[in-house]
């Protein structure tokens, strides 16, 4: 398993590549300012998918990702 610092570094690199510097900063600032419960959001988001739907979406997403090792 990768360390937290490596995951943060790679996540930030993905955000910058996708959003650019300014929008990445806006995104991070908005998370820091708001009281945001990621665990609660995740539960609400994923409960609408069956396991098969989720696995299908994950497989589709995987095919489109350039960050494979």
N, C-alpha and C. Protein backbone atom coordinates (compact mmCIF):
# COMPACT_ATOMS: atom_id res chain seq x y z
N UNK A 1 0.84 -1.18 0.00
CA UNK A 1 0.00 0.00 0.00
C UNK A 1 0.89 1.24 0.00
N UNK A 2 0.46 2.24 -0.75
CA UNK A 2 1.23 3.49 -0.83
C UNK A 2 1.01 4.33 0.42
N UNK A 3 1.99 5.14 0.74
CA UNK A 3 1.89 6.00 1.93
C UNK A 3 0.90 7.13 1.67
N UNK A 4 0.44 7.73 2.76
CA UNK A 4 -0.47 8.87 2.67
C UNK A 4 0.16 10.01 1.90
N UNK A 5 1.43 10.26 2.12
CA UNK A 5 2.09 11.38 1.42
C UNK A 5 2.16 11.13 -0.08
N UNK A 6 2.37 9.90 -0.50
CA UNK A 6 2.39 9.58 -1.93
C UNK A 6 1.00 9.75 -2.52
N UNK A 7 -0.01 9.28 -1.81
CA UNK A 7 -1.40 9.43 -2.29
C UNK A 7 -1.76 10.90 -2.42
N UNK A 8 -1.40 11.71 -1.41
CA UNK A 8 -1.68 13.16 -1.49
C UNK A 8 -0.97 13.79 -2.67
N UNK A 9 0.29 13.44 -2.87
CA UNK A 9 1.08 14.00 -3.98
C UNK A 9 0.43 13.65 -5.31
N UNK A 10 0.09 12.37 -5.51
CA UNK A 10 -0.50 11.95 -6.77
C UNK A 10 -1.90 12.54 -6.97
N UNK A 11 -2.66 12.65 -5.87
CA UNK A 11 -3.98 13.27 -5.96
C UNK A 11 -3.88 14.72 -6.38
N UNK A 12 -2.94 15.44 -5.78
CA UNK A 12 -2.75 16.85 -6.13
C UNK A 12 -2.31 16.99 -7.58
N UNK A 13 -1.43 16.09 -8.02
CA UNK A 13 -1.00 16.12 -9.43
C UNK A 13 -2.18 15.89 -10.38
N UNK A 14 -3.07 14.97 -10.02
CA UNK A 14 -4.27 14.71 -10.84
C UNK A 14 -5.18 15.93 -10.89
N UNK A 15 -5.37 16.56 -9.73
CA UNK A 15 -6.21 17.76 -9.69
C UNK A 15 -5.62 18.86 -10.56
N UNK A 16 -4.33 19.09 -10.43
CA UNK A 16 -3.69 20.15 -11.21
C UNK A 16 -3.77 19.85 -12.70
N UNK A 17 -3.54 18.60 -13.06
CA UNK A 17 -3.62 18.23 -14.48
C UNK A 17 -5.02 18.44 -15.04
N UNK A 18 -6.03 18.13 -14.23
CA UNK A 18 -7.42 18.23 -14.68
C UNK A 18 -7.97 19.65 -14.58
N UNK A 19 -7.72 20.30 -13.43
CA UNK A 19 -8.33 21.60 -13.16
C UNK A 19 -7.40 22.78 -13.42
N UNK A 20 -6.11 22.56 -13.40
CA UNK A 20 -5.16 23.66 -13.48
C UNK A 20 -4.87 24.17 -12.07
N UNK A 21 -3.87 25.02 -11.96
CA UNK A 21 -3.43 25.52 -10.65
C UNK A 21 -4.52 26.28 -9.91
N UNK A 22 -5.13 27.25 -10.57
CA UNK A 22 -6.10 28.12 -9.91
C UNK A 22 -7.33 27.34 -9.44
N UNK A 23 -7.92 26.54 -10.31
CA UNK A 23 -9.13 25.81 -9.93
C UNK A 23 -8.83 24.73 -8.89
N UNK A 24 -7.63 24.18 -8.89
CA UNK A 24 -7.24 23.25 -7.83
C UNK A 24 -7.22 23.96 -6.50
N UNK A 25 -6.66 25.16 -6.46
CA UNK A 25 -6.63 25.94 -5.23
C UNK A 25 -8.04 26.28 -4.77
N UNK A 26 -8.91 26.66 -5.70
CA UNK A 26 -10.30 26.96 -5.35
C UNK A 26 -10.97 25.72 -4.77
N UNK A 27 -10.75 24.57 -5.39
CA UNK A 27 -11.34 23.32 -4.91
C UNK A 27 -10.87 23.00 -3.49
N UNK A 28 -9.58 23.05 -3.26
CA UNK A 28 -9.04 22.73 -1.93
C UNK A 28 -9.53 23.74 -0.90
N UNK A 29 -9.54 25.01 -1.25
CA UNK A 29 -10.02 26.04 -0.33
C UNK A 29 -11.48 25.83 0.03
N UNK A 30 -12.29 25.41 -0.94
CA UNK A 30 -13.71 25.20 -0.65
C UNK A 30 -13.90 24.03 0.30
N UNK A 31 -13.07 23.00 0.21
CA UNK A 31 -13.16 21.87 1.14
C UNK A 31 -12.76 22.28 2.55
N UNK A 32 -11.75 23.11 2.65
CA UNK A 32 -11.26 23.54 3.96
C UNK A 32 -12.28 24.45 4.64
N UNK A 33 -12.92 25.34 3.88
CA UNK A 33 -13.87 26.30 4.44
C UNK A 33 -15.17 25.68 4.91
N UNK A 34 -15.66 24.70 4.17
CA UNK A 34 -16.96 24.13 4.45
C UNK A 34 -16.83 22.98 5.45
N UNK A 35 -17.88 22.81 6.25
CA UNK A 35 -17.88 21.61 7.07
C UNK A 35 -18.40 20.50 6.17
N UNK A 36 -17.53 19.64 5.78
CA UNK A 36 -17.83 18.61 4.80
C UNK A 36 -17.49 17.27 5.40
N UNK A 37 -18.47 16.41 5.50
CA UNK A 37 -18.28 15.07 6.05
C UNK A 37 -18.17 14.11 4.88
N UNK A 38 -16.95 13.77 4.50
CA UNK A 38 -16.73 12.91 3.35
C UNK A 38 -17.37 11.53 3.55
N UNK A 39 -17.29 11.02 4.76
CA UNK A 39 -17.86 9.69 5.04
C UNK A 39 -19.36 9.70 4.80
N UNK A 40 -20.05 10.73 5.28
CA UNK A 40 -21.49 10.86 5.07
C UNK A 40 -21.82 11.00 3.58
N UNK A 41 -21.05 11.84 2.88
CA UNK A 41 -21.25 12.03 1.45
C UNK A 41 -21.08 10.71 0.71
N UNK A 42 -20.02 9.98 1.06
CA UNK A 42 -19.72 8.71 0.40
C UNK A 42 -20.86 7.70 0.62
N UNK A 43 -21.36 7.62 1.83
CA UNK A 43 -22.48 6.71 2.10
C UNK A 43 -23.70 7.07 1.24
N UNK A 44 -24.04 8.35 1.21
CA UNK A 44 -25.19 8.79 0.42
C UNK A 44 -24.98 8.56 -1.07
N UNK A 45 -23.78 8.79 -1.53
CA UNK A 45 -23.48 8.64 -2.96
C UNK A 45 -23.54 7.18 -3.40
N UNK A 46 -22.89 6.31 -2.66
CA UNK A 46 -22.75 4.93 -3.11
C UNK A 46 -23.97 4.05 -2.80
N UNK A 47 -24.84 4.46 -1.90
CA UNK A 47 -25.98 3.61 -1.59
C UNK A 47 -26.97 3.52 -2.75
N UNK A 48 -26.86 4.42 -3.72
CA UNK A 48 -27.79 4.36 -4.85
C UNK A 48 -27.37 3.35 -5.92
N UNK A 49 -26.20 2.74 -5.76
CA UNK A 49 -25.71 1.77 -6.73
C UNK A 49 -25.74 0.35 -6.15
N UNK A 50 -26.16 -0.60 -6.98
CA UNK A 50 -26.00 -2.00 -6.57
C UNK A 50 -24.52 -2.35 -6.75
N UNK A 51 -24.10 -3.45 -6.19
CA UNK A 51 -22.71 -3.86 -6.31
C UNK A 51 -22.33 -4.05 -7.78
N UNK A 52 -23.20 -4.68 -8.55
CA UNK A 52 -22.90 -4.90 -9.97
C UNK A 52 -22.81 -3.59 -10.75
N UNK A 53 -23.69 -2.64 -10.46
CA UNK A 53 -23.61 -1.32 -11.10
C UNK A 53 -22.29 -0.64 -10.77
N UNK A 54 -21.93 -0.68 -9.49
CA UNK A 54 -20.70 -0.04 -9.05
C UNK A 54 -19.48 -0.67 -9.73
N UNK A 55 -19.43 -1.99 -9.76
CA UNK A 55 -18.29 -2.68 -10.38
C UNK A 55 -18.22 -2.38 -11.87
N UNK A 56 -19.38 -2.29 -12.53
CA UNK A 56 -19.40 -1.94 -13.94
C UNK A 56 -18.88 -0.53 -14.18
N UNK A 57 -19.32 0.40 -13.36
CA UNK A 57 -18.84 1.78 -13.50
C UNK A 57 -17.35 1.88 -13.21
N UNK A 58 -16.88 1.14 -12.22
CA UNK A 58 -15.45 1.14 -11.90
C UNK A 58 -14.63 0.59 -13.07
N UNK A 59 -15.12 -0.47 -13.70
CA UNK A 59 -14.42 -1.05 -14.85
C UNK A 59 -14.39 -0.08 -16.03
N UNK A 60 -15.51 0.61 -16.28
CA UNK A 60 -15.56 1.61 -17.34
C UNK A 60 -14.57 2.75 -17.06
N UNK A 61 -14.57 3.22 -15.82
CA UNK A 61 -13.68 4.31 -15.44
C UNK A 61 -12.23 3.89 -15.61
N UNK A 62 -11.89 2.67 -15.21
CA UNK A 62 -10.52 2.18 -15.29
C UNK A 62 -10.00 2.21 -16.72
N UNK A 63 -10.86 1.91 -17.67
CA UNK A 63 -10.45 1.88 -19.09
C UNK A 63 -10.04 3.26 -19.59
N UNK A 64 -10.54 4.32 -18.97
CA UNK A 64 -10.30 5.67 -19.46
C UNK A 64 -9.11 6.36 -18.78
N UNK A 65 -8.49 5.71 -17.81
CA UNK A 65 -7.48 6.40 -16.98
C UNK A 65 -6.07 6.27 -17.56
N UNK A 66 -5.43 7.41 -17.74
CA UNK A 66 -4.06 7.40 -18.27
C UNK A 66 -3.01 7.14 -17.18
N UNK A 67 -3.41 7.09 -15.91
CA UNK A 67 -2.46 7.01 -14.82
C UNK A 67 -2.20 5.58 -14.37
N UNK A 68 -2.20 4.65 -15.30
CA UNK A 68 -1.95 3.26 -14.95
C UNK A 68 -0.45 3.02 -14.86
N UNK A 69 -0.09 2.12 -13.98
CA UNK A 69 1.34 1.82 -13.83
C UNK A 69 1.71 0.59 -14.61
